[in-house]
Amino acid sequence: MSKFAIIATGGKQYKVRPGQTIKIEKLSSEPAAEVKFDALLLADEQTQDIQLGRPILNAAITAKVLDHGQEDKITVIKYKNKTRYKKTLGHRQQFTKIEIQDW
């Protein structure tokens, strides 16, 4: 597969290809549902064809929601020297795993 697209979701941009599985910021869709993303860029590496949106294209990238989950825990420590201040926090980021369909 020599074609790819750039999509934006959750304040981030992702380079995706058909059939690719990626983790993105959590969506409110149920598993096995289909979601659509606006394409910022479509490109085909074989024909050197590039379509650039300003800011988006009329093409929609469809994806199938596989499941939801949480990443591993990240520990954050705040510490101030000589003031007896130490605070430990933990965070587990939620994500949605999707599979990119053909567009």
N, C-alpha and C. Protein backbone atom coordinates (compact mmCIF):
# COMPACT_ATOMS: atom_id res chain seq x y z
N MET A 1 0.86 -1.18 0.00
CA MET A 1 0.00 0.00 0.00
C MET A 1 0.89 1.23 0.00
N SER A 2 0.73 2.01 -0.99
CA SER A 2 1.60 3.17 -1.09
C SER A 2 0.86 4.48 -0.90
N LYS A 3 -0.37 4.41 -0.41
CA LYS A 3 -1.07 5.66 -0.17
C LYS A 3 -1.23 5.90 1.33
N PHE A 4 -1.25 7.18 1.69
CA PHE A 4 -1.41 7.53 3.09
C PHE A 4 -2.19 8.83 3.19
N ALA A 5 -2.63 9.12 4.42
CA ALA A 5 -3.39 10.35 4.69
C ALA A 5 -2.95 10.91 6.03
N ILE A 6 -3.19 12.18 6.22
CA ILE A 6 -2.96 12.84 7.50
C ILE A 6 -4.33 13.23 8.05
N ILE A 7 -4.63 12.77 9.28
CA ILE A 7 -5.89 13.11 9.93
C ILE A 7 -5.59 13.83 11.24
N ALA A 8 -6.57 14.54 11.76
CA ALA A 8 -6.41 15.24 13.04
C ALA A 8 -7.54 14.82 13.97
N THR A 9 -7.17 14.44 15.19
CA THR A 9 -8.14 14.12 16.22
C THR A 9 -7.48 14.26 17.58
N GLY A 10 -8.22 14.76 18.53
CA GLY A 10 -7.70 14.91 19.89
C GLY A 10 -6.56 15.90 20.00
N GLY A 11 -6.52 16.89 19.10
CA GLY A 11 -5.46 17.88 19.14
C GLY A 11 -4.14 17.39 18.58
N LYS A 12 -4.12 16.23 17.94
CA LYS A 12 -2.91 15.67 17.36
C LYS A 12 -3.16 15.30 15.90
N GLN A 13 -2.10 15.18 15.13
CA GLN A 13 -2.20 14.75 13.75
C GLN A 13 -1.52 13.39 13.61
N TYR A 14 -2.11 12.52 12.78
CA TYR A 14 -1.61 11.17 12.60
C TYR A 14 -1.47 10.87 11.12
N LYS A 15 -0.37 10.20 10.75
CA LYS A 15 -0.17 9.71 9.39
C LYS A 15 -0.70 8.28 9.37
N VAL A 16 -1.70 8.02 8.54
CA VAL A 16 -2.36 6.71 8.54
C VAL A 16 -2.36 6.10 7.15
N ARG A 17 -2.40 4.79 7.11
CA ARG A 17 -2.50 4.01 5.88
C ARG A 17 -3.68 3.05 6.01
N PRO A 18 -4.26 2.62 4.91
CA PRO A 18 -5.38 1.65 4.98
C PRO A 18 -4.94 0.36 5.67
N GLY A 19 -5.76 -0.14 6.59
CA GLY A 19 -5.48 -1.37 7.31
C GLY A 19 -4.64 -1.18 8.55
N GLN A 20 -4.17 0.02 8.81
CA GLN A 20 -3.31 0.29 9.96
C GLN A 20 -4.15 0.39 11.24
N THR A 21 -3.61 -0.09 12.35
CA THR A 21 -4.24 0.01 13.66
C THR A 21 -3.46 1.00 14.51
N ILE A 22 -4.15 2.02 15.06
CA ILE A 22 -3.49 3.03 15.87
C ILE A 22 -4.29 3.31 17.13
N LYS A 23 -3.61 3.89 18.13
CA LYS A 23 -4.25 4.34 19.36
C LYS A 23 -4.37 5.85 19.30
N ILE A 24 -5.57 6.37 19.57
CA ILE A 24 -5.80 7.81 19.56
C ILE A 24 -6.45 8.22 20.87
N GLU A 25 -6.64 9.51 21.08
CA GLU A 25 -7.34 10.00 22.28
C GLU A 25 -8.73 9.36 22.32
N LYS A 26 -9.25 9.15 23.52
CA LYS A 26 -10.51 8.43 23.70
C LYS A 26 -11.67 9.11 22.97
N LEU A 27 -12.44 8.30 22.23
CA LEU A 27 -13.65 8.74 21.54
C LEU A 27 -14.85 8.19 22.28
N SER A 28 -16.00 8.82 22.10
CA SER A 28 -17.21 8.37 22.78
C SER A 28 -17.96 7.29 22.00
N SER A 29 -17.42 6.82 20.88
CA SER A 29 -18.07 5.79 20.06
C SER A 29 -17.95 4.41 20.71
N GLU A 30 -18.92 3.58 20.44
CA GLU A 30 -18.93 2.20 20.95
C GLU A 30 -18.00 1.33 20.11
N PRO A 31 -17.48 0.22 20.67
CA PRO A 31 -16.68 -0.71 19.86
C PRO A 31 -17.51 -1.27 18.70
N ALA A 32 -16.85 -1.52 17.59
CA ALA A 32 -17.43 -2.01 16.33
C ALA A 32 -18.18 -0.92 15.57
N ALA A 33 -18.18 0.31 16.06
CA ALA A 33 -18.81 1.41 15.33
C ALA A 33 -17.82 1.99 14.33
N GLU A 34 -18.35 2.69 13.34
CA GLU A 34 -17.50 3.35 12.36
C GLU A 34 -17.47 4.84 12.65
N VAL A 35 -16.29 5.42 12.57
CA VAL A 35 -16.13 6.87 12.75
C VAL A 35 -15.47 7.44 11.52
N LYS A 36 -15.70 8.73 11.28
CA LYS A 36 -15.12 9.41 10.12
C LYS A 36 -14.25 10.55 10.59
N PHE A 37 -13.12 10.72 9.92
CA PHE A 37 -12.19 11.80 10.20
C PHE A 37 -12.01 12.61 8.92
N ASP A 38 -11.84 13.93 9.08
CA ASP A 38 -11.54 14.78 7.94
C ASP A 38 -10.07 14.61 7.56
N ALA A 39 -9.81 14.58 6.27
CA ALA A 39 -8.44 14.42 5.78
C ALA A 39 -7.79 15.79 5.60
N LEU A 40 -6.61 15.94 6.14
CA LEU A 40 -5.83 17.15 5.94
C LEU A 40 -4.95 17.04 4.69
N LEU A 41 -4.54 15.80 4.38
CA LEU A 41 -3.68 15.55 3.24
C LEU A 41 -3.91 14.13 2.76
N LEU A 42 -3.96 13.93 1.45
CA LEU A 42 -4.01 12.61 0.84
C LEU A 42 -2.84 12.50 -0.12
N ALA A 43 -2.12 11.39 -0.10
CA ALA A 43 -0.96 11.23 -0.97
C ALA A 43 -0.87 9.79 -1.46
N ASP A 44 -0.36 9.65 -2.68
CA ASP A 44 -0.09 8.35 -3.27
C ASP A 44 1.37 8.35 -3.69
N GLU A 45 2.18 7.47 -3.08
CA GLU A 45 3.61 7.47 -3.33
C GLU A 45 3.97 6.93 -4.71
N GLN A 46 3.14 6.06 -5.29
CA GLN A 46 3.45 5.50 -6.60
C GLN A 46 3.30 6.54 -7.70
N THR A 47 2.21 7.28 -7.68
CA THR A 47 1.95 8.25 -8.74
C THR A 47 2.42 9.65 -8.39
N GLN A 48 3.00 9.83 -7.20
CA GLN A 48 3.47 11.14 -6.74
C GLN A 48 2.34 12.16 -6.70
N ASP A 49 1.12 11.69 -6.44
CA ASP A 49 -0.05 12.56 -6.38
C ASP A 49 -0.28 12.99 -4.93
N ILE A 50 -0.35 14.31 -4.69
CA ILE A 50 -0.59 14.85 -3.36
C ILE A 50 -1.74 15.83 -3.42
N GLN A 51 -2.73 15.64 -2.52
CA GLN A 51 -3.84 16.58 -2.39
C GLN A 51 -3.75 17.19 -1.00
N LEU A 52 -3.59 18.50 -0.97
CA LEU A 52 -3.42 19.20 0.29
C LEU A 52 -4.65 20.04 0.56
N GLY A 53 -5.23 19.88 1.75
CA GLY A 53 -6.40 20.66 2.13
C GLY A 53 -6.01 21.96 2.78
N ARG A 54 -6.85 22.96 2.60
CA ARG A 54 -6.60 24.26 3.23
C ARG A 54 -7.86 24.70 3.93
N PRO A 55 -8.18 24.30 5.13
CA PRO A 55 -7.41 23.42 6.00
C PRO A 55 -7.74 21.94 5.84
N ILE A 56 -8.94 21.58 5.31
CA ILE A 56 -9.28 20.15 5.17
C ILE A 56 -9.75 19.87 3.75
N LEU A 57 -9.73 18.60 3.39
CA LEU A 57 -10.26 18.14 2.10
C LEU A 57 -11.70 17.67 2.28
N ASN A 58 -12.40 17.48 1.18
CA ASN A 58 -13.76 16.96 1.23
C ASN A 58 -13.79 15.45 1.43
N ALA A 59 -12.65 14.80 1.39
CA ALA A 59 -12.58 13.35 1.59
C ALA A 59 -12.67 13.01 3.08
N ALA A 60 -13.35 11.91 3.37
CA ALA A 60 -13.47 11.45 4.76
C ALA A 60 -12.77 10.11 4.90
N ILE A 61 -11.99 9.98 5.95
CA ILE A 61 -11.29 8.73 6.26
C ILE A 61 -12.16 7.96 7.25
N THR A 62 -12.57 6.76 6.90
CA THR A 62 -13.40 5.97 7.80
C THR A 62 -12.53 5.00 8.59
N ALA A 63 -12.92 4.78 9.83
CA ALA A 63 -12.19 3.88 10.71
C ALA A 63 -13.18 3.09 11.56
N LYS A 64 -12.78 1.90 11.94
CA LYS A 64 -13.60 1.03 12.78
C LYS A 64 -13.01 1.04 14.19
N VAL A 65 -13.86 1.29 15.19
CA VAL A 65 -13.42 1.30 16.59
C VAL A 65 -13.26 -0.14 17.05
N LEU A 66 -12.06 -0.50 17.51
CA LEU A 66 -11.81 -1.86 17.98
C LEU A 66 -12.10 -2.00 19.46
N ASP A 67 -11.50 -1.14 20.29
CA ASP A 67 -11.79 -1.18 21.73
C ASP A 67 -11.26 0.08 22.40
N HIS A 68 -11.58 0.21 23.69
CA HIS A 68 -11.12 1.31 24.52
C HIS A 68 -10.21 0.74 25.60
N GLY A 69 -9.34 1.57 26.14
CA GLY A 69 -8.45 1.09 27.19
C GLY A 69 -7.71 2.23 27.86
N GLN A 70 -6.74 1.85 28.70
CA GLN A 70 -5.91 2.81 29.39
C GLN A 70 -4.44 2.42 29.21
N GLU A 71 -3.60 3.43 29.08
CA GLU A 71 -2.16 3.20 28.98
C GLU A 71 -1.60 2.80 30.34
N ASP A 72 -0.34 2.46 30.38
CA ASP A 72 0.33 2.17 31.64
C ASP A 72 0.41 3.43 32.48
N LYS A 73 0.52 3.24 33.80
CA LYS A 73 0.55 4.37 34.71
C LYS A 73 1.87 5.12 34.61
N ILE A 74 1.76 6.45 34.59
CA ILE A 74 2.92 7.33 34.59
C ILE A 74 2.96 8.02 35.94
N THR A 75 4.10 7.99 36.62
CA THR A 75 4.25 8.62 37.92
C THR A 75 4.91 9.98 37.75
N VAL A 76 4.31 11.01 38.35
CA VAL A 76 4.84 12.37 38.31
C VAL A 76 5.17 12.77 39.74
N ILE A 77 6.39 13.24 39.95
CA ILE A 77 6.82 13.65 41.28
C ILE A 77 7.16 15.13 41.26
N LYS A 78 6.55 15.88 42.19
CA LYS A 78 6.87 17.29 42.37
C LYS A 78 7.70 17.39 43.65
N TYR A 79 8.80 18.12 43.59
CA TYR A 79 9.71 18.21 44.73
C TYR A 79 10.31 19.60 44.79
N LYS A 80 10.31 20.18 45.98
CA LYS A 80 10.97 21.47 46.21
C LYS A 80 12.04 21.27 47.26
N ASN A 81 13.22 21.70 46.91
CA ASN A 81 14.37 21.52 47.78
C ASN A 81 14.27 22.39 49.04
N LYS A 82 14.65 21.85 50.18
CA LYS A 82 14.76 22.55 51.47
C LYS A 82 13.44 23.06 52.03
N THR A 83 12.31 22.63 51.53
CA THR A 83 11.03 23.12 52.06
C THR A 83 10.13 21.98 52.53
N ARG A 84 10.63 20.76 52.56
CA ARG A 84 9.86 19.59 52.97
C ARG A 84 8.60 19.40 52.13
N TYR A 85 8.71 19.69 50.85
CA TYR A 85 7.57 19.54 49.94
C TYR A 85 7.88 18.45 48.93
N LYS A 86 7.04 17.41 48.92
CA LYS A 86 7.14 16.34 47.94
C LYS A 86 5.74 15.83 47.68
N LYS A 87 5.37 15.76 46.42
CA LYS A 87 4.03 15.31 46.05
C LYS A 87 4.17 14.30 44.91
N THR A 88 3.50 13.17 45.02
CA THR A 88 3.54 12.14 44.01
C THR A 88 2.15 11.99 43.40
N LEU A 89 2.10 12.05 42.07
CA LEU A 89 0.84 11.90 41.34
C LEU A 89 0.99 10.80 40.31
N GLY A 90 -0.12 10.18 39.96
CA GLY A 90 -0.13 9.16 38.92
C GLY A 90 -1.19 9.48 37.88
N HIS A 91 -0.96 9.03 36.65
CA HIS A 91 -1.92 9.30 35.58
C HIS A 91 -1.95 8.12 34.62
N ARG A 92 -3.16 7.72 34.22
CA ARG A 92 -3.35 6.69 33.21
C ARG A 92 -4.19 7.29 32.09
N GLN A 93 -3.58 7.48 30.92
CA GLN A 93 -4.26 8.10 29.78
C GLN A 93 -5.21 7.09 29.14
N GLN A 94 -6.44 7.52 28.86
CA GLN A 94 -7.41 6.68 28.17
C GLN A 94 -7.22 6.80 26.67
N PHE A 95 -7.45 5.69 25.95
CA PHE A 95 -7.29 5.71 24.50
C PHE A 95 -8.38 4.89 23.83
N THR A 96 -8.49 5.07 22.53
CA THR A 96 -9.37 4.27 21.68
C THR A 96 -8.49 3.67 20.59
N LYS A 97 -8.59 2.36 20.40
CA LYS A 97 -7.84 1.69 19.34
C LYS A 97 -8.75 1.59 18.12
N ILE A 98 -8.25 2.10 16.97
CA ILE A 98 -9.05 2.09 15.75
C ILE A 98 -8.27 1.41 14.63
N GLU A 99 -9.01 0.91 13.64
CA GLU A 99 -8.41 0.35 12.43
C GLU A 99 -8.87 1.20 11.26
N ILE A 100 -7.93 1.71 10.48
CA ILE A 100 -8.23 2.58 9.35
C ILE A 100 -8.76 1.73 8.19
N GLN A 101 -9.90 2.13 7.67
CA GLN A 101 -10.48 1.46 6.49
C GLN A 101 -9.99 2.19 5.24
N ASP A 102 -10.26 1.65 4.07
CA ASP A 102 -9.88 2.31 2.83
C ASP A 102 -10.75 3.52 2.58
N TRP A 103 -10.20 4.57 1.94
CA TRP A 103 -10.98 5.77 1.68
C TRP A 103 -11.21 5.96 0.21
